[in-house]
Amino acid sequence: MGLDHFRSKIEHMRIQVGKQRREILQLQRAGISTASAELLLQRMLAKIDGLCDERDRLKKEDGSPMKGRVLGGRSW
């Protein structure tokens, strides 16, 4: 799996986290327990952390010439 795969997976998971957070808010407003939904959210966030770690490891291995630069940023 390449770097682009991890980037797209991270983006997809972040979208899912946003949906999960909105769902939790709706449940809270309705007075419904959110314990299981919050546990799922924590697992999703842990998965994102793992994907980010793997992405960062691949970036180091890649030795990309843009290393250390922000997209559209200056090279100091």
N, C-alpha and C. Protein backbone atom coordinates (compact mmCIF):
# COMPACT_ATOMS: atom_id res chain seq x y z
N MET A 1 0.85 -1.18 0.00
CA MET A 1 0.00 0.00 0.00
C MET A 1 0.89 1.24 0.00
N GLY A 2 0.54 2.17 -0.84
CA GLY A 2 1.35 3.36 -0.99
C GLY A 2 0.88 4.51 -0.12
N LEU A 3 1.63 5.56 -0.18
CA LEU A 3 1.37 6.77 0.60
C LEU A 3 0.00 7.35 0.27
N ASP A 4 -0.35 7.37 -1.01
CA ASP A 4 -1.65 7.92 -1.41
C ASP A 4 -2.80 7.12 -0.81
N HIS A 5 -2.61 5.81 -0.71
CA HIS A 5 -3.65 4.96 -0.11
C HIS A 5 -3.89 5.38 1.34
N PHE A 6 -2.82 5.57 2.10
CA PHE A 6 -2.97 5.96 3.50
C PHE A 6 -3.59 7.34 3.63
N ARG A 7 -3.20 8.25 2.75
CA ARG A 7 -3.78 9.60 2.80
C ARG A 7 -5.28 9.57 2.54
N SER A 8 -5.70 8.81 1.55
CA SER A 8 -7.13 8.75 1.24
C SER A 8 -7.91 8.02 2.34
N LYS A 9 -7.31 7.00 2.92
CA LYS A 9 -7.96 6.27 4.02
C LYS A 9 -8.11 7.19 5.24
N ILE A 10 -7.09 7.98 5.54
CA ILE A 10 -7.16 8.92 6.66
C ILE A 10 -8.26 9.95 6.42
N GLU A 11 -8.32 10.48 5.22
CA GLU A 11 -9.35 11.47 4.90
C GLU A 11 -10.75 10.86 5.04
N HIS A 12 -10.92 9.65 4.54
CA HIS A 12 -12.21 8.96 4.66
C HIS A 12 -12.58 8.76 6.12
N MET A 13 -11.62 8.32 6.93
CA MET A 13 -11.90 8.09 8.35
C MET A 13 -12.23 9.39 9.07
N ARG A 14 -11.58 10.48 8.71
CA ARG A 14 -11.88 11.78 9.34
C ARG A 14 -13.31 12.22 9.03
N ILE A 15 -13.76 11.96 7.82
CA ILE A 15 -15.15 12.27 7.45
C ILE A 15 -16.10 11.42 8.30
N GLN A 16 -15.77 10.14 8.46
CA GLN A 16 -16.60 9.25 9.27
C GLN A 16 -16.65 9.70 10.73
N VAL A 17 -15.52 10.18 11.25
CA VAL A 17 -15.47 10.69 12.63
C VAL A 17 -16.42 11.88 12.78
N GLY A 18 -16.42 12.77 11.81
CA GLY A 18 -17.33 13.92 11.86
C GLY A 18 -18.78 13.48 11.90
N LYS A 19 -19.12 12.48 11.10
CA LYS A 19 -20.48 11.96 11.09
C LYS A 19 -20.83 11.33 12.44
N GLN A 20 -19.87 10.60 13.00
CA GLN A 20 -20.09 9.95 14.29
C GLN A 20 -20.30 11.00 15.38
N ARG A 21 -19.52 12.06 15.35
CA ARG A 21 -19.68 13.13 16.35
C ARG A 21 -21.05 13.78 16.25
N ARG A 22 -21.50 14.03 15.03
CA ARG A 22 -22.84 14.61 14.85
C ARG A 22 -23.93 13.66 15.36
N GLU A 23 -23.73 12.38 15.11
CA GLU A 23 -24.70 11.39 15.59
C GLU A 23 -24.74 11.36 17.12
N ILE A 24 -23.58 11.45 17.74
CA ILE A 24 -23.52 11.47 19.20
C ILE A 24 -24.27 12.69 19.74
N LEU A 25 -24.08 13.84 19.11
CA LEU A 25 -24.80 15.04 19.55
C LEU A 25 -26.31 14.86 19.43
N GLN A 26 -26.76 14.24 18.34
CA GLN A 26 -28.20 14.00 18.16
C GLN A 26 -28.73 13.07 19.25
N LEU A 27 -27.97 12.04 19.56
CA LEU A 27 -28.39 11.11 20.62
C LEU A 27 -28.45 11.81 21.97
N GLN A 28 -27.45 12.65 22.25
CA GLN A 28 -27.44 13.38 23.51
C GLN A 28 -28.64 14.31 23.62
N ARG A 29 -28.96 14.99 22.53
CA ARG A 29 -30.12 15.89 22.53
C ARG A 29 -31.42 15.12 22.77
N ALA A 30 -31.46 13.89 22.29
CA ALA A 30 -32.65 13.07 22.45
C ALA A 30 -32.68 12.36 23.82
N GLY A 31 -31.61 12.53 24.59
CA GLY A 31 -31.55 11.91 25.91
C GLY A 31 -31.23 10.43 25.88
N ILE A 32 -30.61 9.97 24.80
CA ILE A 32 -30.26 8.56 24.64
C ILE A 32 -28.78 8.37 25.02
N SER A 33 -28.51 7.25 25.67
CA SER A 33 -27.14 6.96 26.09
C SER A 33 -26.20 6.91 24.87
N THR A 34 -25.04 7.51 25.02
CA THR A 34 -24.08 7.58 23.93
C THR A 34 -22.81 6.78 24.22
N ALA A 35 -22.84 5.96 25.27
CA ALA A 35 -21.62 5.25 25.69
C ALA A 35 -21.04 4.39 24.57
N SER A 36 -21.87 3.60 23.90
CA SER A 36 -21.35 2.72 22.85
C SER A 36 -20.88 3.54 21.64
N ALA A 37 -21.59 4.63 21.33
CA ALA A 37 -21.19 5.49 20.22
C ALA A 37 -19.86 6.17 20.52
N GLU A 38 -19.66 6.55 21.77
CA GLU A 38 -18.39 7.20 22.16
C GLU A 38 -17.24 6.21 22.11
N LEU A 39 -17.50 4.95 22.49
CA LEU A 39 -16.46 3.92 22.38
C LEU A 39 -16.07 3.70 20.93
N LEU A 40 -17.06 3.66 20.06
CA LEU A 40 -16.78 3.52 18.64
C LEU A 40 -15.95 4.70 18.14
N LEU A 41 -16.28 5.89 18.57
CA LEU A 41 -15.53 7.09 18.18
C LEU A 41 -14.08 6.98 18.63
N GLN A 42 -13.85 6.50 19.84
CA GLN A 42 -12.48 6.35 20.34
C GLN A 42 -11.70 5.33 19.50
N ARG A 43 -12.36 4.25 19.10
CA ARG A 43 -11.69 3.25 18.24
C ARG A 43 -11.37 3.84 16.88
N MET A 44 -12.28 4.65 16.36
CA MET A 44 -12.04 5.30 15.07
C MET A 44 -10.84 6.25 15.15
N LEU A 45 -10.77 7.02 16.23
CA LEU A 45 -9.67 7.97 16.41
C LEU A 45 -8.34 7.22 16.58
N ALA A 46 -8.37 6.10 17.27
CA ALA A 46 -7.15 5.29 17.43
C ALA A 46 -6.71 4.74 16.07
N LYS A 47 -7.67 4.34 15.25
CA LYS A 47 -7.36 3.83 13.91
C LYS A 47 -6.70 4.92 13.06
N ILE A 48 -7.23 6.15 13.17
CA ILE A 48 -6.65 7.28 12.43
C ILE A 48 -5.22 7.53 12.90
N ASP A 49 -5.00 7.47 14.21
CA ASP A 49 -3.64 7.67 14.73
C ASP A 49 -2.68 6.63 14.16
N GLY A 50 -3.13 5.38 14.09
CA GLY A 50 -2.29 4.33 13.53
C GLY A 50 -2.01 4.56 12.05
N LEU A 51 -3.02 4.99 11.31
CA LEU A 51 -2.83 5.28 9.89
C LEU A 51 -1.87 6.45 9.70
N CYS A 52 -1.97 7.46 10.54
CA CYS A 52 -1.06 8.62 10.46
C CYS A 52 0.38 8.19 10.76
N ASP A 53 0.55 7.32 11.75
CA ASP A 53 1.89 6.82 12.07
C ASP A 53 2.48 6.07 10.87
N GLU A 54 1.67 5.23 10.26
CA GLU A 54 2.14 4.46 9.10
C GLU A 54 2.44 5.39 7.93
N ARG A 55 1.59 6.39 7.71
CA ARG A 55 1.82 7.38 6.65
C ARG A 55 3.14 8.11 6.88
N ASP A 56 3.38 8.53 8.12
CA ASP A 56 4.63 9.24 8.45
C ASP A 56 5.84 8.35 8.23
N ARG A 57 5.72 7.07 8.58
CA ARG A 57 6.82 6.14 8.37
C ARG A 57 7.13 6.00 6.88
N LEU A 58 6.07 5.90 6.08
CA LEU A 58 6.26 5.79 4.63
C LEU A 58 6.87 7.06 4.05
N LYS A 59 6.47 8.22 4.58
CA LYS A 59 7.04 9.48 4.10
C LYS A 59 8.53 9.54 4.37
N LYS A 60 8.96 9.05 5.53
CA LYS A 60 10.39 9.04 5.86
C LYS A 60 11.16 8.11 4.93
N GLU A 61 10.56 6.95 4.65
CA GLU A 61 11.20 6.00 3.76
C GLU A 61 11.29 6.54 2.34
N ASP A 62 10.28 7.28 1.94
CA ASP A 62 10.19 7.82 0.58
C ASP A 62 11.31 8.83 0.31
N GLY A 63 11.66 9.62 1.32
CA GLY A 63 12.69 10.63 1.13
C GLY A 63 12.27 11.69 0.15
N SER A 64 11.02 12.06 0.20
CA SER A 64 10.44 13.04 -0.72
C SER A 64 11.22 14.35 -0.71
N PRO A 65 11.45 14.97 -1.89
CA PRO A 65 12.18 16.23 -1.95
C PRO A 65 11.43 17.39 -1.29
N MET A 66 10.11 17.25 -1.08
CA MET A 66 9.32 18.30 -0.44
C MET A 66 9.35 18.17 1.07
N LYS A 67 10.18 17.31 1.60
CA LYS A 67 10.24 17.05 3.03
C LYS A 67 10.44 18.35 3.81
N GLY A 68 9.60 18.54 4.82
CA GLY A 68 9.74 19.71 5.67
C GLY A 68 9.05 20.95 5.14
N ARG A 69 8.37 20.85 4.02
CA ARG A 69 7.70 22.03 3.47
C ARG A 69 6.20 21.88 3.59
N VAL A 70 5.57 22.99 3.82
CA VAL A 70 4.12 23.04 3.86
C VAL A 70 3.65 23.28 2.43
N LEU A 71 2.53 22.69 2.07
CA LEU A 71 2.00 22.88 0.73
C LEU A 71 1.84 24.36 0.44
N GLY A 72 2.52 24.84 -0.56
CA GLY A 72 2.45 26.25 -0.92
C GLY A 72 3.28 27.14 -0.01
N GLY A 73 4.04 26.53 0.89
CA GLY A 73 4.84 27.31 1.84
C GLY A 73 6.19 27.72 1.28
N ARG A 74 6.88 28.49 2.06
CA ARG A 74 8.21 28.93 1.65
C ARG A 74 9.27 27.92 2.06
N SER A 75 10.37 27.94 1.34
CA SER A 75 11.52 27.12 1.75
C SER A 75 12.53 28.08 2.37
N TRP A 76 12.71 27.98 3.64
CA TRP A 76 13.57 28.94 4.36
C TRP A 76 14.98 28.50 4.29
